Amino acid sequence: MSFVFLWRRVCPGRNPLARITDRIEAAILIGGALAALLGVPLAAAAGSEAYATMMARSDFETATRHATNAVLLEDAPPARVGVDGTPSAETARVRARWELSDGTFQDGLATADLGASAGDGVTVWLDESDAVVAPPVMPLDAASTGIGVGVGVWLVGVTLLASGYLFALRLLNRARRAAWDREWERLGQDWTPS
């Protein structure tokens, strides 16, 4: 498909053969393309807001959580090897012991890689009350969330615009077929011998 054909399809201009439905279709297509372009700043704002929210969460969790070393008290389940011979990156919950902020020790479940042995060290994250918590959100996680939200919002908008265009195109094609049917009917009446 050449650029000239595409340009004539989008902008029928002064072509005397262009129907009103062709001009409406071109206007909808141009309007949709402009709306998709104008949606970029809106998607960027949504992504920026998601990034700021995740960074605030990261700052809070980094300030209120700390890592401590834990020692596994038992072996983790054996590592699984994939078809290509590489070990899987799966983890399991295994009994471990770690030191609390008051100097006492606590036993509990810690996340370890499959195949880890008793006596291996793992990292456990604790909150201010020494309860086991998930690791804090990292800045890289916040950035990927912001990018994902921005791209996702824009793709949803473009999908809605494309769906609207296809729906309008269906209605316009129906109107074109009805106009053709009326013209053929009128032409048939004109050619009928009196």
C-alpha atoms as a PDB file:
ATOM      1  CA  MET A   1       0.000   0.000   0.000  1.00  0.00           C
ATOM      2  CA  SER A   2       1.612   3.245  -1.100  1.00  0.00           C
ATOM      3  CA  PHE A   3       1.714   6.447   0.892  1.00  0.00           C
ATOM      4  CA  VAL A   4      -0.218   8.314  -1.838  1.00  0.00           C
ATOM      5  CA  PHE A   5      -3.061   5.782  -1.688  1.00  0.00           C
ATOM      6  CA  LEU A   6      -3.153   6.019   2.101  1.00  0.00           C
ATOM      7  CA  TRP A   7      -3.121   9.843   1.980  1.00  0.00           C
ATOM      8  CA  ARG A   8      -5.991   9.891  -0.537  1.00  0.00           C
ATOM      9  CA  ARG A   9      -7.913   7.420   1.627  1.00  0.00           C
ATOM     10  CA  VAL A  10      -7.508   9.561   4.735  1.00  0.00           C
ATOM     11  CA  CYS A  11      -7.972  12.924   3.005  1.00  0.00           C
ATOM     12  CA  PRO A  12     -10.431  12.622   0.102  1.00  0.00           C
ATOM     13  CA  GLY A  13     -10.075  16.383  -0.510  1.00  0.00           C
ATOM     14  CA  ARG A  14     -11.818  17.779  -3.567  1.00  0.00           C
ATOM     15  CA  ASN A  15     -12.284  14.453  -5.271  1.00  0.00           C
ATOM     16  CA  PRO A  16     -15.741  14.647  -6.878  1.00  0.00           C
ATOM     17  CA  LEU A  17     -16.204  10.906  -6.418  1.00  0.00           C
ATOM     18  CA  ALA A  18     -15.724  11.103  -2.654  1.00  0.00           C
ATOM     19  CA  ARG A  19     -18.981  10.489  -0.868  1.00  0.00           C
ATOM     20  CA  ILE A  20     -20.034  12.146   2.372  1.00  0.00           C
ATOM     21  CA  THR A  21     -19.438   8.824   4.117  1.00  0.00           C
ATOM     22  CA  ASP A  22     -15.837   8.862   2.814  1.00  0.00           C
ATOM     23  CA  ARG A  23     -15.337  12.329   4.293  1.00  0.00           C
ATOM     24  CA  ILE A  24     -16.888  11.240   7.611  1.00  0.00           C
ATOM     25  CA  GLU A  25     -14.621   8.191   7.699  1.00  0.00           C
ATOM     26  CA  ALA A  26     -11.572  10.384   7.029  1.00  0.00           C
ATOM     27  CA  ALA A  27     -12.618  12.805   9.779  1.00  0.00           C
ATOM     28  CA  ILE A  28     -13.069   9.937  12.265  1.00  0.00           C
ATOM     29  CA  LEU A  29      -9.684   8.473  11.312  1.00  0.00           C
ATOM     30  CA  ILE A  30      -7.873  11.811  11.642  1.00  0.00           C
ATOM     31  CA  GLY A  31      -9.690  12.573  14.901  1.00  0.00           C
ATOM     32  CA  GLY A  32      -8.759   9.152  16.287  1.00  0.00           C
ATOM     33  CA  ALA A  33      -5.101   9.595  15.345  1.00  0.00           C
ATOM     34  CA  LEU A  34      -5.032  13.029  16.995  1.00  0.00           C
ATOM     35  CA  ALA A  35      -6.754  11.644  20.106  1.00  0.00           C
ATOM     36  CA  ALA A  36      -4.150   8.862  20.292  1.00  0.00           C
ATOM     37  CA  LEU A  37      -1.375  11.455  20.114  1.00  0.00           C
ATOM     38  CA  LEU A  38      -3.068  13.634  22.710  1.00  0.00           C
ATOM     39  CA  GLY A  39      -3.428  10.561  24.908  1.00  0.00           C
ATOM     40  CA  VAL A  40       0.357  10.269  25.250  1.00  0.00           C
ATOM     41  CA  PRO A  41       0.639  13.107  27.830  1.00  0.00           C
ATOM     42  CA  LEU A  42      -2.339  11.710  29.757  1.00  0.00           C
ATOM     43  CA  ALA A  43      -0.774   8.252  29.831  1.00  0.00           C
ATOM     44  CA  ALA A  44       2.548   9.786  30.880  1.00  0.00           C
ATOM     45  CA  ALA A  45       0.784  11.616  33.730  1.00  0.00           C
ATOM     46  CA  ALA A  46      -0.845   8.370  34.896  1.00  0.00           C
ATOM     47  CA  GLY A  47       2.507   6.582  34.741  1.00  0.00           C
ATOM     48  CA  SER A  48       4.190   9.426  36.607  1.00  0.00           C
ATOM     49  CA  GLU A  49       1.536   9.287  39.322  1.00  0.00           C
ATOM     50  CA  ALA A  50       1.971   5.513  39.684  1.00  0.00           C
ATOM     51  CA  TYR A  51       5.750   5.977  39.871  1.00  0.00           C
ATOM     52  CA  ALA A  52       5.432   8.676  42.552  1.00  0.00           C
ATOM     53  CA  THR A  53       3.078   6.484  44.588  1.00  0.00           C
ATOM     54  CA  MET A  54       5.421   3.491  44.377  1.00  0.00           C
ATOM     55  CA  MET A  55       8.457   5.656  45.248  1.00  0.00           C
ATOM     56  CA  ALA A  56       6.646   6.969  48.330  1.00  0.00           C
ATOM     57  CA  ARG A  57       5.894   3.374  49.294  1.00  0.00           C
ATOM     58  CA  SER A  58       9.523   2.440  48.649  1.00  0.00           C
ATOM     59  CA  ASP A  59      10.773   5.294  50.848  1.00  0.00           C
ATOM     60  CA  PHE A  60       8.384   4.322  53.647  1.00  0.00           C
ATOM     61  CA  GLU A  61       9.194   0.617  53.495  1.00  0.00           C
ATOM     62  CA  THR A  62      12.941   1.255  53.261  1.00  0.00           C
ATOM     63  CA  ALA A  63      12.744   3.449  56.358  1.00  0.00           C
ATOM     64  CA  THR A  64      10.636   0.990  58.385  1.00  0.00           C
ATOM     65  CA  ARG A  65      12.161  -2.363  57.343  1.00  0.00           C
ATOM     66  CA  HIS A  66      15.600  -3.814  57.789  1.00  0.00           C
ATOM     67  CA  ALA A  67      17.337  -6.910  56.500  1.00  0.00           C
ATOM     68  CA  THR A  68      18.929  -9.494  58.744  1.00  0.00           C
ATOM     69  CA  ASN A  69      20.855 -12.653  57.991  1.00  0.00           C
ATOM     70  CA  ALA A  70      19.170 -15.942  58.782  1.00  0.00           C
ATOM     71  CA  VAL A  71      20.671 -19.424  58.908  1.00  0.00           C
ATOM     72  CA  LEU A  72      18.695 -22.300  57.439  1.00  0.00           C
ATOM     73  CA  LEU A  73      17.884 -25.017  59.956  1.00  0.00           C
ATOM     74  CA  GLU A  74      16.935 -27.592  57.333  1.00  0.00           C
ATOM     75  CA  ASP A  75      17.572 -28.334  53.697  1.00  0.00           C
ATOM     76  CA  ALA A  76      15.362 -26.788  51.056  1.00  0.00           C
ATOM     77  CA  PRO A  77      13.694 -29.148  48.573  1.00  0.00           C
ATOM     78  CA  PRO A  78      16.038 -30.241  45.793  1.00  0.00           C
ATOM     79  CA  ALA A  79      16.451 -27.950  42.826  1.00  0.00           C
ATOM     80  CA  ARG A  80      14.592 -28.825  39.657  1.00  0.00           C
ATOM     81  CA  VAL A  81      16.512 -28.917  36.426  1.00  0.00           C
ATOM     82  CA  GLY A  82      14.844 -27.775  33.226  1.00  0.00           C
ATOM     83  CA  VAL A  83      14.884 -29.646  29.922  1.00  0.00           C
ATOM     84  CA  ASP A  84      17.795 -27.516  28.771  1.00  0.00           C
ATOM     85  CA  GLY A  85      19.836 -28.474  31.873  1.00  0.00           C
ATOM     86  CA  THR A  86      19.548 -25.166  33.731  1.00  0.00           C
ATOM     87  CA  PRO A  87      18.356 -25.215  37.340  1.00  0.00           C
ATOM     88  CA  SER A  88      15.073 -23.467  38.051  1.00  0.00           C
ATOM     89  CA  ALA A  89      15.004 -20.199  40.007  1.00  0.00           C
ATOM     90  CA  GLU A  90      12.189 -21.366  42.267  1.00  0.00           C
ATOM     91  CA  THR A  91      12.153 -20.785  46.008  1.00  0.00           C
ATOM     92  CA  ALA A  92      10.640 -22.533  48.997  1.00  0.00           C
ATOM     93  CA  ARG A  93       9.777 -21.620  52.585  1.00  0.00           C
ATOM     94  CA  VAL A  94      12.289 -23.298  54.918  1.00  0.00           C
ATOM     95  CA  ARG A  95      12.800 -23.190  58.709  1.00  0.00           C
ATOM     96  CA  ALA A  96      15.540 -20.733  59.654  1.00  0.00           C
ATOM     97  CA  ARG A  97      16.873 -18.802  62.656  1.00  0.00           C
ATOM     98  CA  TRP A  98      17.733 -15.097  62.777  1.00  0.00           C
ATOM     99  CA  GLU A  99      18.697 -12.511  65.341  1.00  0.00           C
ATOM    100  CA  LEU A 100      16.182  -9.867  66.445  1.00  0.00           C
ATOM    101  CA  SER A 101      17.029  -6.248  67.242  1.00  0.00           C
ATOM    102  CA  ASP A 102      17.057  -6.976  71.009  1.00  0.00           C
ATOM    103  CA  GLY A 103      19.752  -9.664  70.585  1.00  0.00           C
ATOM    104  CA  THR A 104      17.468 -12.693  70.964  1.00  0.00           C
ATOM    105  CA  PHE A 105      16.980 -15.303  68.265  1.00  0.00           C
ATOM    106  CA  GLN A 106      13.791 -16.344  66.535  1.00  0.00           C
ATOM    107  CA  ASP A 107      12.954 -19.405  64.486  1.00  0.00           C
ATOM    108  CA  GLY A 108      10.539 -19.192  61.598  1.00  0.00           C
ATOM    109  CA  LEU A 109      10.097 -19.721  57.884  1.00  0.00           C
ATOM    110  CA  ALA A 110      12.391 -17.938  55.445  1.00  0.00           C
ATOM    111  CA  THR A 111      12.490 -17.946  51.670  1.00  0.00           C
ATOM    112  CA  ALA A 112      15.397 -19.938  50.229  1.00  0.00           C
ATOM    113  CA  ASP A 113      16.353 -21.129  46.772  1.00  0.00           C
ATOM    114  CA  LEU A 114      15.571 -24.740  45.954  1.00  0.00           C
ATOM    115  CA  GLY A 115      18.589 -26.887  46.706  1.00  0.00           C
ATOM    116  CA  ALA A 116      19.873 -24.712  49.587  1.00  0.00           C
ATOM    117  CA  SER A 117      21.383 -26.679  52.471  1.00  0.00           C
ATOM    118  CA  ALA A 118      21.039 -26.367  56.242  1.00  0.00           C
ATOM    119  CA  GLY A 119      23.556 -23.821  57.487  1.00  0.00           C
ATOM    120  CA  ASP A 120      23.314 -21.627  54.367  1.00  0.00           C
ATOM    121  CA  GLY A 121      22.575 -17.965  54.933  1.00  0.00           C
ATOM    122  CA  VAL A 122      19.523 -16.173  53.557  1.00  0.00           C
ATOM    123  CA  THR A 123      18.150 -12.677  53.990  1.00  0.00           C
ATOM    124  CA  VAL A 124      15.020 -12.057  56.060  1.00  0.00           C
ATOM    125  CA  TRP A 125      13.279  -8.672  56.145  1.00  0.00           C
ATOM    126  CA  LEU A 126      11.834  -7.472  59.450  1.00  0.00           C
ATOM    127  CA  ASP A 127       9.663  -4.490  60.332  1.00  0.00           C
ATOM    128  CA  GLU A 128      10.057  -2.229  63.362  1.00  0.00           C
ATOM    129  CA  SER A 129       8.372  -4.833  65.604  1.00  0.00           C
ATOM    130  CA  ASP A 130      10.685  -7.590  64.291  1.00  0.00           C
ATOM    131  CA  ALA A 131       7.869  -9.311  62.380  1.00  0.00           C
ATOM    132  CA  VAL A 132       8.846 -10.963  59.091  1.00  0.00           C
ATOM    133  CA  VAL A 133       7.708  -8.866  56.129  1.00  0.00           C
ATOM    134  CA  ALA A 134       8.248  -8.782  52.387  1.00  0.00           C
ATOM    135  CA  PRO A 135      11.287  -6.927  51.059  1.00  0.00           C
ATOM    136  CA  PRO A 136      10.687  -3.210  50.472  1.00  0.00           C
ATOM    137  CA  VAL A 137       9.699  -1.956  47.047  1.00  0.00           C
ATOM    138  CA  MET A 138      12.851  -0.970  45.169  1.00  0.00           C
ATOM    139  CA  PRO A 139      13.155   2.125  42.945  1.00  0.00           C
ATOM    140  CA  LEU A 140      13.503  -0.136  39.907  1.00  0.00           C
ATOM    141  CA  ASP A 141      10.135  -1.718  40.791  1.00  0.00           C
ATOM    142  CA  ALA A 142       8.613   1.766  41.029  1.00  0.00           C
ATOM    143  CA  ALA A 143      10.035   2.718  37.627  1.00  0.00           C
ATOM    144  CA  SER A 144       8.753  -0.445  35.955  1.00  0.00           C
ATOM    145  CA  THR A 145       5.321   0.078  37.539  1.00  0.00           C
ATOM    146  CA  GLY A 146       5.197   3.662  36.271  1.00  0.00           C
ATOM    147  CA  ILE A 147       6.189   2.622  32.765  1.00  0.00           C
ATOM    148  CA  GLY A 148       3.719  -0.265  32.793  1.00  0.00           C
ATOM    149  CA  VAL A 149       0.840   1.946  33.932  1.00  0.00           C
ATOM    150  CA  GLY A 150       1.665   4.644  31.366  1.00  0.00           C
ATOM    151  CA  VAL A 151       1.924   2.211  28.468  1.00  0.00           C
ATOM    152  CA  GLY A 152      -1.133   0.294  29.665  1.00  0.00           C
ATOM    153  CA  VAL A 153      -3.290   3.426  29.884  1.00  0.00           C
ATOM    154  CA  TRP A 154      -2.216   4.514  26.400  1.00  0.00           C
ATOM    155  CA  LEU A 155      -2.852   1.046  24.923  1.00  0.00           C
ATOM    156  CA  VAL A 156      -6.323   0.910  26.492  1.00  0.00           C
ATOM    157  CA  GLY A 157      -7.081   4.324  25.003  1.00  0.00           C
ATOM    158  CA  VAL A 158      -5.816   3.317  21.556  1.00  0.00           C
ATOM    159  CA  THR A 159      -7.802   0.083  21.734  1.00  0.00           C
ATOM    160  CA  LEU A 160     -10.975   2.012  22.550  1.00  0.00           C
ATOM    161  CA  LEU A 161     -10.297   4.453  19.706  1.00  0.00           C
ATOM    162  CA  ALA A 162      -9.650   1.616  17.250  1.00  0.00           C
ATOM    163  CA  SER A 163     -12.828  -0.154  18.375  1.00  0.00           C
ATOM    164  CA  GLY A 164     -14.798   3.059  17.921  1.00  0.00           C
ATOM    165  CA  TYR A 165     -13.332   3.522  14.451  1.00  0.00           C
ATOM    166  CA  LEU A 166     -14.181  -0.048  13.439  1.00  0.00           C
ATOM    167  CA  PHE A 167     -17.727   0.357  14.765  1.00  0.00           C
ATOM    168  CA  ALA A 168     -18.137   3.643  12.868  1.00  0.00           C
ATOM    169  CA  LEU A 169     -16.682   2.033   9.745  1.00  0.00           C
ATOM    170  CA  ARG A 170     -19.249  -0.754   9.996  1.00  0.00           C
ATOM    171  CA  LEU A 171     -22.071   1.786  10.222  1.00  0.00           C
ATOM    172  CA  LEU A 172     -20.635   3.800   7.334  1.00  0.00           C
ATOM    173  CA  ASN A 173     -20.307   0.680   5.172  1.00  0.00           C
ATOM    174  CA  ARG A 174     -23.920  -0.180   5.960  1.00  0.00           C
ATOM    175  CA  ALA A 175     -24.933   3.333   4.873  1.00  0.00           C
ATOM    176  CA  ARG A 176     -22.859   2.984   1.684  1.00  0.00           C
ATOM    177  CA  ARG A 177     -24.517  -0.338   0.825  1.00  0.00           C
ATOM    178  CA  ALA A 178     -27.964   1.169   1.440  1.00  0.00           C
ATOM    179  CA  ALA A 179     -27.082   4.106  -0.846  1.00  0.00           C
ATOM    180  CA  TRP A 180     -25.895   1.690  -3.532  1.00  0.00           C
ATOM    181  CA  ASP A 181     -29.109  -0.311  -3.225  1.00  0.00           C
ATOM    182  CA  ARG A 182     -31.189   2.873  -3.618  1.00  0.00           C
ATOM    183  CA  GLU A 183     -29.156   3.914  -6.662  1.00  0.00           C
ATOM    184  CA  TRP A 184     -29.517   0.492  -8.288  1.00  0.00           C
ATOM    185  CA  GLU A 185     -33.240   0.528  -7.598  1.00  0.00           C
ATOM    186  CA  ARG A 186     -33.568   4.015  -9.130  1.00  0.00           C
ATOM    187  CA  LEU A 187     -31.424   2.999 -12.083  1.00  0.00           C
ATOM    188  CA  GLY A 188     -33.521  -0.122 -12.558  1.00  0.00           C
ATOM    189  CA  GLN A 189     -36.681   1.986 -12.662  1.00  0.00           C
ATOM    190  CA  ASP A 190     -35.110   4.357 -15.218  1.00  0.00           C
ATOM    191  CA  TRP A 191     -34.150   1.473 -17.515  1.00  0.00           C
ATOM    192  CA  THR A 192     -37.492  -0.291 -17.299  1.00  0.00           C
ATOM    193  CA  PRO A 193     -39.386   0.096 -20.591  1.00  0.00           C
ATOM    194  CA  SER A 194     -42.584   2.110 -20.227  1.00  0.00           C
END
